[in-house]
Amino acid sequence: SNAVAALKNGQIDGFVTAGSWPAPNVIEAAASTPVTILSLT
């Protein structure tokens, strides 16, 4: 629950989350700070 704030403040480099897409916490993160969402090979 602290992931978005921690990412925005630079306390973490990233977070991992699982849920339906679009995921609310990922929407919030992408809207508040530039992010990269990784693809897997």
Full PDB file with SEQRES, HELIX, SHEET, SSBOND, CRYST1, ORIGX, SCALE, CONECT and MASTER records, all heavy atoms in Angstrom:
SEQRES   1 A   41  SER ASN ALA VAL ALA ALA LEU LYS ASN GLY GLN ILE ASP          
SEQRES   2 A   41  GLY PHE VAL THR ALA GLY SER TRP PRO ALA PRO ASN VAL          
SEQRES   3 A   41  ILE GLU ALA ALA ALA SER THR PRO VAL THR ILE LEU SER          
SEQRES   4 A   41  LEU THR                                                      
HELIX    1 AA1 ALA A    3  LYS A    8  1                                   6    
HELIX    2 AA2 PRO A   24  SER A   32  1                                   9    
CRYST1    1.000    1.000    1.000  90.00  90.00  90.00 P 1           1          
ORIGX1      1.000000  0.000000  0.000000        0.00000                         
ORIGX2      0.000000  1.000000  0.000000        0.00000                         
ORIGX3      0.000000  0.000000  1.000000        0.00000                         
SCALE1      1.000000  0.000000  0.000000        0.00000                         
SCALE2      0.000000  1.000000  0.000000        0.00000                         
SCALE3      0.000000  0.000000  1.000000        0.00000                         
ATOM      1  N   SER A   1       0.822  -1.215   0.000  1.00  0.00           N  
ATOM      2  CA  SER A   1       0.000   0.000   0.000  1.00  0.00           C  
ATOM      3  C   SER A   1       0.856   1.266   0.000  1.00  0.00           C  
ATOM      4  O   SER A   1       0.371   2.347  -0.338  1.00  0.00           O  
ATOM      5  CB  SER A   1      -0.933  -0.002   1.213  1.00  0.00           C  
ATOM      6  OG  SER A   1      -0.195  -0.119   2.417  1.00  0.00           O  
ATOM      7  N   ASN A   2       2.124   1.136   0.387  1.00  0.00           N  
ATOM      8  CA  ASN A   2       3.032   2.284   0.409  1.00  0.00           C  
ATOM      9  C   ASN A   2       3.847   2.409  -0.875  1.00  0.00           C  
ATOM     10  O   ASN A   2       4.697   3.309  -0.982  1.00  0.00           O  
ATOM     11  CB  ASN A   2       4.001   2.174   1.596  1.00  0.00           C  
ATOM     12  CG  ASN A   2       3.279   2.158   2.930  1.00  0.00           C  
ATOM     13  OD1 ASN A   2       2.298   2.863   3.102  1.00  0.00           O  
ATOM     14  ND2 ASN A   2       3.765   1.347   3.865  1.00  0.00           N  
ATOM     15  N   ALA A   3       3.618   1.534  -1.827  1.00  0.00           N  
ATOM     16  CA  ALA A   3       4.486   1.449  -3.002  1.00  0.00           C  
ATOM     17  C   ALA A   3       4.513   2.725  -3.830  1.00  0.00           C  
ATOM     18  O   ALA A   3       5.582   3.200  -4.231  1.00  0.00           O  
ATOM     19  CB  ALA A   3       4.055   0.273  -3.874  1.00  0.00           C  
ATOM     20  N   VAL A   4       3.362   3.292  -4.109  1.00  0.00           N  
ATOM     21  CA  VAL A   4       3.311   4.468  -4.989  1.00  0.00           C  
ATOM     22  C   VAL A   4       4.048   5.646  -4.371  1.00  0.00           C  
ATOM     23  O   VAL A   4       4.871   6.303  -5.031  1.00  0.00           O  
ATOM     24  CB  VAL A   4       1.850   4.844  -5.318  1.00  0.00           C  
ATOM     25  CG1 VAL A   4       1.808   6.136  -6.130  1.00  0.00           C  
ATOM     26  CG2 VAL A   4       1.167   3.709  -6.091  1.00  0.00           C  
ATOM     27  N   ALA A   5       3.808   5.897  -3.087  1.00  0.00           N  
ATOM     28  CA  ALA A   5       4.492   7.007  -2.408  1.00  0.00           C  
ATOM     29  C   ALA A   5       5.992   6.764  -2.342  1.00  0.00           C  
ATOM     30  O   ALA A   5       6.794   7.684  -2.573  1.00  0.00           O  
ATOM     31  CB  ALA A   5       3.921   7.183  -1.007  1.00  0.00           C  
ATOM     32  N   ALA A   6       6.394   5.528  -2.049  1.00  0.00           N  
ATOM     33  CA  ALA A   6       7.816   5.197  -1.952  1.00  0.00           C  
ATOM     34  C   ALA A   6       8.513   5.334  -3.301  1.00  0.00           C  
ATOM     35  O   ALA A   6       9.662   5.787  -3.382  1.00  0.00           O  
ATOM     36  CB  ALA A   6       7.981   3.781  -1.415  1.00  0.00           C  
ATOM     37  N   LEU A   7       7.816   4.956  -4.366  1.00  0.00           N  
ATOM     38  CA  LEU A   7       8.374   5.086  -5.718  1.00  0.00           C  
ATOM     39  C   LEU A   7       8.533   6.559  -6.086  1.00  0.00           C  
ATOM     40  O   LEU A   7       9.582   6.975  -6.600  1.00  0.00           O  
ATOM     41  CB  LEU A   7       7.466   4.381  -6.726  1.00  0.00           C  
ATOM     42  CG  LEU A   7       8.009   4.255  -8.159  1.00  0.00           C  
ATOM     43  CD1 LEU A   7       9.141   3.232  -8.196  1.00  0.00           C  
ATOM     44  CD2 LEU A   7       6.894   3.832  -9.116  1.00  0.00           C  
ATOM     45  N   LYS A   8       7.517   7.341  -5.799  1.00  0.00           N  
ATOM     46  CA  LYS A   8       7.537   8.769  -6.124  1.00  0.00           C  
ATOM     47  C   LYS A   8       8.629   9.504  -5.346  1.00  0.00           C  
ATOM     48  O   LYS A   8       9.268  10.426  -5.879  1.00  0.00           O  
ATOM     49  CB  LYS A   8       6.166   9.372  -5.823  1.00  0.00           C  
ATOM     50  CG  LYS A   8       6.002  10.815  -6.269  1.00  0.00           C  
ATOM     51  CD  LYS A   8       4.581  11.294  -6.011  1.00  0.00           C  
ATOM     52  CE  LYS A   8       4.405  12.742  -6.452  1.00  0.00           C  
ATOM     53  NZ  LYS A   8       3.007  13.216  -6.211  1.00  0.00           N  
ATOM     54  N   ASN A   9       8.855   9.078  -4.108  1.00  0.00           N  
ATOM     55  CA  ASN A   9       9.854   9.733  -3.258  1.00  0.00           C  
ATOM     56  C   ASN A   9      11.264   9.205  -3.461  1.00  0.00           C  
ATOM     57  O   ASN A   9      12.207   9.662  -2.807  1.00  0.00           O  
ATOM     58  CB  ASN A   9       9.473   9.573  -1.781  1.00  0.00           C  
ATOM     59  CG  ASN A   9       8.167  10.283  -1.440  1.00  0.00           C  
ATOM     60  OD1 ASN A   9       7.810  11.264  -2.093  1.00  0.00           O  
ATOM     61  ND2 ASN A   9       7.468   9.797  -0.434  1.00  0.00           N  
ATOM     62  N   GLY A  10      11.426   8.218  -4.343  1.00  0.00           N  
ATOM     63  CA  GLY A  10      12.744   7.673  -4.614  1.00  0.00           C  
ATOM     64  C   GLY A  10      13.254   6.705  -3.570  1.00  0.00           C  
ATOM     65  O   GLY A  10      14.442   6.351  -3.566  1.00  0.00           O  
ATOM     66  N   GLN A  11      12.390   6.243  -2.669  1.00  0.00           N  
ATOM     67  CA  GLN A  11      12.806   5.287  -1.639  1.00  0.00           C  
ATOM     68  C   GLN A  11      12.986   3.883  -2.208  1.00  0.00           C  
ATOM     69  O   GLN A  11      13.694   3.064  -1.636  1.00  0.00           O  
ATOM     70  CB  GLN A  11      11.778   5.269  -0.506  1.00  0.00           C  
ATOM     71  CG  GLN A  11      11.665   6.584   0.250  1.00  0.00           C  
ATOM     72  CD  GLN A  11      10.473   6.585   1.198  1.00  0.00           C  
ATOM     73  OE1 GLN A  11       9.320   6.460   0.781  1.00  0.00           O  
ATOM     74  NE2 GLN A  11      10.765   6.721   2.492  1.00  0.00           N  
ATOM     75  N   ILE A  12      12.307   3.602  -3.304  1.00  0.00           N  
ATOM     76  CA  ILE A  12      12.452   2.315  -3.988  1.00  0.00           C  
ATOM     77  C   ILE A  12      12.636   2.583  -5.475  1.00  0.00           C  
ATOM     78  O   ILE A  12      12.300   3.664  -5.983  1.00  0.00           O  
ATOM     79  CB  ILE A  12      11.223   1.399  -3.774  1.00  0.00           C  
ATOM     80  CG1 ILE A  12       9.933   2.083  -4.291  1.00  0.00           C  
ATOM     81  CG2 ILE A  12      11.073   1.002  -2.308  1.00  0.00           C  
ATOM     82  CD1 ILE A  12       8.708   1.188  -4.261  1.00  0.00           C  
ATOM     83  N   ASP A  13      13.175   1.586  -6.168  1.00  0.00           N  
ATOM     84  CA  ASP A  13      13.343   1.709  -7.619  1.00  0.00           C  
ATOM     85  C   ASP A  13      12.149   1.128  -8.370  1.00  0.00           C  
ATOM     86  O   ASP A  13      11.941   1.426  -9.547  1.00  0.00           O  
ATOM     87  CB  ASP A  13      14.622   0.989  -8.061  1.00  0.00           C  
ATOM     88  CG  ASP A  13      15.864   1.624  -7.467  1.00  0.00           C  
ATOM     89  OD1 ASP A  13      16.119   2.802  -7.769  1.00  0.00           O  
ATOM     90  OD2 ASP A  13      16.557   0.940  -6.694  1.00  0.00           O  
ATOM     91  N   GLY A  14      11.390   0.287  -7.683  1.00  0.00           N  
ATOM     92  CA  GLY A  14      10.244  -0.311  -8.335  1.00  0.00           C  
ATOM     93  C   GLY A  14       9.452  -1.184  -7.387  1.00  0.00           C  
ATOM     94  O   GLY A  14       9.854  -1.429  -6.246  1.00  0.00           O  
ATOM     95  N   PHE A  15       8.295  -1.642  -7.846  1.00  0.00           N  
ATOM     96  CA  PHE A  15       7.493  -2.566  -7.044  1.00  0.00           C  
ATOM     97  C   PHE A  15       6.838  -3.601  -7.938  1.00  0.00           C  
ATOM     98  O   PHE A  15       6.695  -3.408  -9.157  1.00  0.00           O  
ATOM     99  CB  PHE A  15       6.451  -1.818  -6.205  1.00  0.00           C  
ATOM    100  CG  PHE A  15       5.358  -1.128  -6.981  1.00  0.00           C  
ATOM    101  CD1 PHE A  15       4.155  -1.775  -7.270  1.00  0.00           C  
ATOM    102  CD2 PHE A  15       5.508   0.194  -7.397  1.00  0.00           C  
ATOM    103  CE1 PHE A  15       3.136  -1.132  -7.970  1.00  0.00           C  
ATOM    104  CE2 PHE A  15       4.494   0.845  -8.094  1.00  0.00           C  
ATOM    105  CZ  PHE A  15       3.305   0.186  -8.377  1.00  0.00           C  
ATOM    106  N   VAL A  16       6.488  -4.707  -7.320  1.00  0.00           N  
ATOM    107  CA  VAL A  16       5.852  -5.810  -8.029  1.00  0.00           C  
ATOM    108  C   VAL A  16       4.446  -5.980  -7.472  1.00  0.00           C  
ATOM    109  O   VAL A  16       4.256  -6.013  -6.250  1.00  0.00           O  
ATOM    110  CB  VAL A  16       6.653  -7.118  -7.861  1.00  0.00           C  
ATOM    111  CG1 VAL A  16       5.966  -8.267  -8.610  1.00  0.00           C  
ATOM    112  CG2 VAL A  16       8.081  -6.933  -8.356  1.00  0.00           C  
ATOM    113  N   THR A  17       3.490  -6.082  -8.347  1.00  0.00           N  
ATOM    114  CA  THR A  17       2.108  -6.251  -7.895  1.00  0.00           C  
ATOM    115  C   THR A  17       1.367  -7.166  -8.863  1.00  0.00           C  
ATOM    116  O   THR A  17       1.730  -7.269 -10.042  1.00  0.00           O  
ATOM    117  CB  THR A  17       1.393  -4.887  -7.802  1.00  0.00           C  
ATOM    118  OG1 THR A  17       0.094  -5.064  -7.221  1.00  0.00           O  
ATOM    119  CG2 THR A  17       1.219  -4.239  -9.164  1.00  0.00           C  
ATOM    120  N   ALA A  18       0.368  -7.847  -8.369  1.00  0.00           N  
ATOM    121  CA  ALA A  18      -0.452  -8.726  -9.203  1.00  0.00           C  
ATOM    122  C   ALA A  18      -1.912  -8.396  -8.969  1.00  0.00           C  
ATOM    123  O   ALA A  18      -2.346  -8.213  -7.833  1.00  0.00           O  
ATOM    124  CB  ALA A  18      -0.190 -10.192  -8.883  1.00  0.00           C  
ATOM    125  N   GLY A  19      -2.651  -8.317 -10.034  1.00  0.00           N  
ATOM    126  CA  GLY A  19      -4.081  -8.042  -9.937  1.00  0.00           C  
ATOM    127  C   GLY A  19      -4.650  -7.958 -11.333  1.00  0.00           C  
ATOM    128  O   GLY A  19      -3.944  -8.174 -12.323  1.00  0.00           O  
ATOM    129  N   SER A  20      -5.900  -7.664 -11.430  1.00  0.00           N  
ATOM    130  CA  SER A  20      -6.505  -7.478 -12.741  1.00  0.00           C  
ATOM    131  C   SER A  20      -5.895  -6.240 -13.383  1.00  0.00           C  
ATOM    132  O   SER A  20      -5.419  -5.344 -12.706  1.00  0.00           O  
ATOM    133  CB  SER A  20      -8.009  -7.290 -12.586  1.00  0.00           C  
ATOM    134  OG  SER A  20      -8.248  -6.220 -11.684  1.00  0.00           O  
ATOM    135  N   TRP A  21      -5.886  -6.212 -14.708  1.00  0.00           N  
ATOM    136  CA  TRP A  21      -5.414  -4.995 -15.376  1.00  0.00           C  
ATOM    137  C   TRP A  21      -6.602  -4.278 -16.010  1.00  0.00           C  
ATOM    138  O   TRP A  21      -7.548  -4.943 -16.441  1.00  0.00           O  
ATOM    139  CB  TRP A  21      -4.331  -5.321 -16.413  1.00  0.00           C  
ATOM    140  CG  TRP A  21      -4.797  -6.142 -17.589  1.00  0.00           C  
ATOM    141  CD1 TRP A  21      -4.760  -7.483 -17.746  1.00  0.00           C  
ATOM    142  CD2 TRP A  21      -5.384  -5.626 -18.798  1.00  0.00           C  
ATOM    143  NE1 TRP A  21      -5.294  -7.858 -18.950  1.00  0.00           N  
ATOM    144  CE2 TRP A  21      -5.681  -6.735 -19.629  1.00  0.00           C  
ATOM    145  CE3 TRP A  21      -5.692  -4.344 -19.271  1.00  0.00           C  
ATOM    146  CZ2 TRP A  21      -6.276  -6.605 -20.888  1.00  0.00           C  
ATOM    147  CZ3 TRP A  21      -6.279  -4.216 -20.529  1.00  0.00           C  
ATOM    148  CH2 TRP A  21      -6.564  -5.342 -21.325  1.00  0.00           C  
ATOM    149  N   PRO A  22      -6.579  -2.943 -16.031  1.00  0.00           N  
ATOM    150  CA  PRO A  22      -5.569  -2.077 -15.426  1.00  0.00           C  
ATOM    151  C   PRO A  22      -5.655  -2.105 -13.903  1.00  0.00           C  
ATOM    152  O   PRO A  22      -6.732  -2.034 -13.333  1.00  0.00           O  
ATOM    153  CB  PRO A  22      -5.895  -0.698 -15.979  1.00  0.00           C  
ATOM    154  CG  PRO A  22      -7.356  -0.763 -16.317  1.00  0.00           C  
ATOM    155  CD  PRO A  22      -7.627  -2.172 -16.735  1.00  0.00           C  
ATOM    156  N   ALA A  23      -4.486  -2.216 -13.257  1.00  0.00           N  
ATOM    157  CA  ALA A  23      -4.419  -2.297 -11.798  1.00  0.00           C  
ATOM    158  C   ALA A  23      -4.471  -0.890 -11.198  1.00  0.00           C  
ATOM    159  O   ALA A  23      -3.710  -0.018 -11.632  1.00  0.00           O  
ATOM    160  CB  ALA A  23      -3.132  -2.992 -11.378  1.00  0.00           C  
ATOM    161  N   PRO A  24      -5.349  -0.650 -10.222  1.00  0.00           N  
ATOM    162  CA  PRO A  24      -5.492   0.694  -9.652  1.00  0.00           C  
ATOM    163  C   PRO A  24      -4.184   1.299  -9.139  1.00  0.00           C  
ATOM    164  O   PRO A  24      -3.920   2.481  -9.363  1.00  0.00           O  
ATOM    165  CB  PRO A  24      -6.493   0.483  -8.513  1.00  0.00           C  
ATOM    166  CG  PRO A  24      -7.326  -0.686  -8.968  1.00  0.00           C  
ATOM    167  CD  PRO A  24      -6.357  -1.585  -9.677  1.00  0.00           C  
ATOM    168  N   ASN A  25      -3.348   0.478  -8.459  1.00  0.00           N  
ATOM    169  CA  ASN A  25      -2.103   1.055  -7.928  1.00  0.00           C  
ATOM    170  C   ASN A  25      -1.096   1.362  -9.032  1.00  0.00           C  
ATOM    171  O   ASN A  25      -0.285   2.281  -8.907  1.00  0.00           O  
ATOM    172  CB  ASN A  25      -1.482   0.150  -6.854  1.00  0.00           C  
ATOM    173  CG  ASN A  25      -1.247  -1.273  -7.310  1.00  0.00           C  
ATOM    174  OD1 ASN A  25      -1.695  -1.691  -8.370  1.00  0.00           O  
ATOM    175  ND2 ASN A  25      -0.542  -2.038  -6.493  1.00  0.00           N  
ATOM    176  N   VAL A  26      -1.169   0.643 -10.144  1.00  0.00           N  
ATOM    177  CA  VAL A  26      -0.281   0.939 -11.274  1.00  0.00           C  
ATOM    178  C   VAL A  26      -0.777   2.196 -12.010  1.00  0.00           C  
ATOM    179  O   VAL A  26       0.028   3.023 -12.448  1.00  0.00           O  
ATOM    180  CB  VAL A  26      -0.192  -0.265 -12.229  1.00  0.00           C  
ATOM    181  CG1 VAL A  26       0.749   0.045 -13.398  1.00  0.00           C  
ATOM    182  CG2 VAL A  26       0.298  -1.504 -11.486  1.00  0.00           C  
ATOM    183  N   ILE A  27      -2.086   2.334 -12.109  1.00  0.00           N  
ATOM    184  CA  ILE A  27      -2.651   3.562 -12.692  1.00  0.00           C  
ATOM    185  C   ILE A  27      -2.183   4.771 -11.889  1.00  0.00           C  
ATOM    186  O   ILE A  27      -1.745   5.791 -12.454  1.00  0.00           O  
ATOM    187  CB  ILE A  27      -4.190   3.503 -12.711  1.00  0.00           C  
ATOM    188  CG1 ILE A  27      -4.682   2.454 -13.693  1.00  0.00           C  
ATOM    189  CG2 ILE A  27      -4.785   4.876 -13.053  1.00  0.00           C  
ATOM    190  CD1 ILE A  27      -6.180   2.229 -13.661  1.00  0.00           C  
ATOM    191  N   GLU A  28      -2.268   4.645 -10.561  1.00  0.00           N  
ATOM    192  CA  GLU A  28      -1.864   5.745  -9.683  1.00  0.00           C  
ATOM    193  C   GLU A  28      -0.383   6.056  -9.825  1.00  0.00           C  
ATOM    194  O   GLU A  28       0.023   7.224  -9.901  1.00  0.00           O  
ATOM    195  CB  GLU A  28      -2.188   5.384  -8.232  1.00  0.00           C  
ATOM    196  CG  GLU A  28      -1.876   6.503  -7.241  1.00  0.00           C  
ATOM    197  CD  GLU A  28      -2.126   6.093  -5.799  1.00  0.00           C  
ATOM    198  OE1 GLU A  28      -2.587   4.970  -5.559  1.00  0.00           O  
ATOM    199  OE2 GLU A  28      -1.828   6.920  -4.900  1.00  0.00           O  
ATOM    200  N   ALA A  29       0.438   5.014  -9.875  1.00  0.00           N  
ATOM    201  CA  ALA A  29       1.883   5.220 -10.003  1.00  0.00           C  
ATOM    202  C   ALA A  29       2.230   5.901 -11.316  1.00  0.00           C  
ATOM    203  O   ALA A  29       3.009   6.869 -11.347  1.00  0.00           O  
ATOM    204  CB  ALA A  29       2.605   3.873  -9.900  1.00  0.00           C  
ATOM    205  N   ALA A  30       1.648   5.418 -12.410  1.00  0.00           N  
ATOM    206  CA  ALA A  30       1.959   5.975 -13.726  1.00  0.00           C  
ATOM    207  C   ALA A  30       1.469   7.409 -13.875  1.00  0.00           C  
ATOM    208  O   ALA A  30       2.045   8.204 -14.625  1.00  0.00           O  
ATOM    209  CB  ALA A  30       1.337   5.099 -14.808  1.00  0.00           C  
ATOM    210  N   ALA A  31       0.407   7.745 -13.143  1.00  0.00           N  
ATOM    211  CA  ALA A  31      -0.138   9.100 -13.217  1.00  0.00           C  
ATOM    212  C   ALA A  31       0.651  10.096 -12.372  1.00  0.00           C  
ATOM    213  O   ALA A  31       0.613  11.304 -12.625  1.00  0.00           O  
ATOM    214  CB  ALA A  31      -1.597   9.089 -12.773  1.00  0.00           C  
ATOM    215  N   SER A  32       1.391   9.590 -11.371  1.00  0.00           N  
ATOM    216  CA  SER A  32       2.068  10.491 -10.439  1.00  0.00           C  
ATOM    217  C   SER A  32       3.556  10.666 -10.718  1.00  0.00           C  
ATOM    218  O   SER A  32       4.159  11.648 -10.281  1.00  0.00           O  
ATOM    219  CB  SER A  32       1.876   9.994  -9.002  1.00  0.00           C  
ATOM    220  OG  SER A  32       2.426   8.696  -8.838  1.00  0.00           O  
ATOM    221  N   THR A  33       4.148   9.703 -11.446  1.00  0.00           N  
ATOM    222  CA  THR A  33       5.578   9.796 -11.742  1.00  0.00           C  
ATOM    223  C   THR A  33       5.873   8.940 -12.975  1.00  0.00           C  
ATOM    224  O   THR A  33       5.192   7.934 -13.200  1.00  0.00           O  
ATOM    225  CB  THR A  33       6.420   9.307 -10.543  1.00  0.00           C  
ATOM    226  OG1 THR A  33       7.791   9.587 -10.769  1.00  0.00           O  
ATOM    227  CG2 THR A  33       6.241   7.827 -10.291  1.00  0.00           C  
ATOM    228  N   PRO A  34       6.861   9.316 -13.783  1.00  0.00           N  
ATOM    229  CA  PRO A  34       7.187   8.493 -14.958  1.00  0.00           C  
ATOM    230  C   PRO A  34       7.638   7.097 -14.555  1.00  0.00           C  
ATOM    231  O   PRO A  34       8.514   6.937 -13.685  1.00  0.00           O  
ATOM    232  CB  PRO A  34       8.327   9.275 -15.626  1.00  0.00           C  
ATOM    233  CG  PRO A  34       8.166  10.683 -15.148  1.00  0.00           C  
ATOM    234  CD  PRO A  34       7.660  10.559 -13.740  1.00  0.00           C  
ATOM    235  N   VAL A  35       7.041   6.075 -15.152  1.00  0.00           N  
ATOM    236  CA  VAL A  35       7.397   4.690 -14.823  1.00  0.00           C  
ATOM    237  C   VAL A  35       7.615   3.878 -16.095  1.00  0.00           C  
ATOM    238  O   VAL A  35       7.149   4.249 -17.180  1.00  0.00           O  
ATOM    239  CB  VAL A  35       6.302   4.003 -13.966  1.00  0.00           C  
ATOM    240  CG1 VAL A  35       6.076   4.739 -12.659  1.00  0.00           C  
ATOM    241  CG2 VAL A  35       5.003   3.855 -14.748  1.00  0.00           C  
ATOM    242  N   THR A  36       8.313   2.775 -15.922  1.00  0.00           N  
ATOM    243  CA  THR A  36       8.464   1.777 -16.975  1.00  0.00           C  
ATOM    244  C   THR A  36       7.896   0.472 -16.454  1.00  0.00           C  
ATOM    245  O   THR A  36       8.287   0.010 -15.375  1.00  0.00           O  
ATOM    246  CB  THR A  36       9.947   1.574 -17.345  1.00  0.00           C  
ATOM    247  OG1 THR A  36      10.503   2.812 -17.776  1.00  0.00           O  
ATOM    248  CG2 THR A  36      10.079   0.543 -18.457  1.00  0.00           C  
ATOM    249  N   ILE A  37       6.977  -0.106 -17.192  1.00  0.00           N  
ATOM    250  CA  ILE A  37       6.387  -1.393 -16.800  1.00  0.00           C  
ATOM    251  C   ILE A  37       7.036  -2.456 -17.671  1.00  0.00           C  
ATOM    252  O   ILE A  37       6.940  -2.408 -18.899  1.00  0.00           O  
ATOM    253  CB  ILE A  37       4.860  -1.376 -16.959  1.00  0.00           C  
ATOM    254  CG1 ILE A  37       4.270  -0.203 -16.160  1.00  0.00           C  
ATOM    255  CG2 ILE A  37       4.266  -2.698 -16.483  1.00  0.00           C  
ATOM    256  CD1 ILE A  37       2.825   0.079 -16.461  1.00  0.00           C  
ATOM    257  N   LEU A  38       7.723  -3.386 -17.036  1.00  0.00           N  
ATOM    258  CA  LEU A  38       8.575  -4.324 -17.762  1.00  0.00           C  
ATOM    259  C   LEU A  38       7.797  -5.412 -18.486  1.00  0.00           C  
ATOM    260  O   LEU A  38       6.777  -5.896 -18.001  1.00  0.00           O  
ATOM    261  CB  LEU A  38       9.567  -4.988 -16.794  1.00  0.00           C  
ATOM    262  CG  LEU A  38      10.436  -4.061 -15.941  1.00  0.00           C  
ATOM    263  CD1 LEU A  38      11.407  -4.889 -15.111  1.00  0.00           C  
ATOM    264  CD2 LEU A  38      11.176  -3.037 -16.801  1.00  0.00           C  
ATOM    265  N   SER A  39       8.337  -5.799 -19.636  1.00  0.00           N  
ATOM    266  CA  SER A  39       7.873  -6.977 -20.344  1.00  0.00           C  
ATOM    267  C   SER A  39       8.830  -8.122 -20.082  1.00  0.00           C  
ATOM    268  O   SER A  39      10.018  -7.907 -19.815  1.00  0.00           O  
ATOM    269  CB  SER A  39       7.811  -6.712 -21.853  1.00  0.00           C  
ATOM    270  OG  SER A  39       6.666  -5.976 -22.209  1.00  0.00           O  
ATOM    271  N   LEU A  40       8.325  -9.340 -20.141  1.00  0.00           N  
ATOM    272  CA  LEU A  40       9.148 -10.531 -20.017  1.00  0.00           C  
ATOM    273  C   LEU A  40       9.370 -11.119 -21.406  1.00  0.00           C  
ATOM    274  O   LEU A  40       8.518 -10.970 -22.298  1.00  0.00           O  
ATOM    275  CB  LEU A  40       8.485 -11.577 -19.119  1.00  0.00           C  
ATOM    276  CG  LEU A  40       8.635 -11.399 -17.602  1.00  0.00           C  
ATOM    277  CD1 LEU A  40       7.891 -10.164 -17.112  1.00  0.00           C  
ATOM    278  CD2 LEU A  40       8.154 -12.641 -16.861  1.00  0.00           C  
ATOM    279  N   THR A  41      10.490 -11.782 -21.581  1.00  0.00           N  
ATOM    280  CA  THR A  41      10.753 -12.440 -22.855  1.00  0.00           C  
ATOM    281  C   THR A  41       9.965 -13.745 -22.929  1.00  0.00           C  
ATOM    282  O   THR A  41       9.483 -14.265 -21.912  1.00  0.00           O  
ATOM    283  CB  THR A  41      12.242 -12.757 -23.020  1.00  0.00           C  
ATOM    284  OG1 THR A  41      12.628 -13.743 -22.040  1.00  0.00           O  
ATOM    285  CG2 THR A  41      13.087 -11.499 -22.838  1.00  0.00           C  
TER     286      THR A  41                                                      
MASTER        0    0    0    2    0    0    0    6  285    1    0    4          
END                                                                             
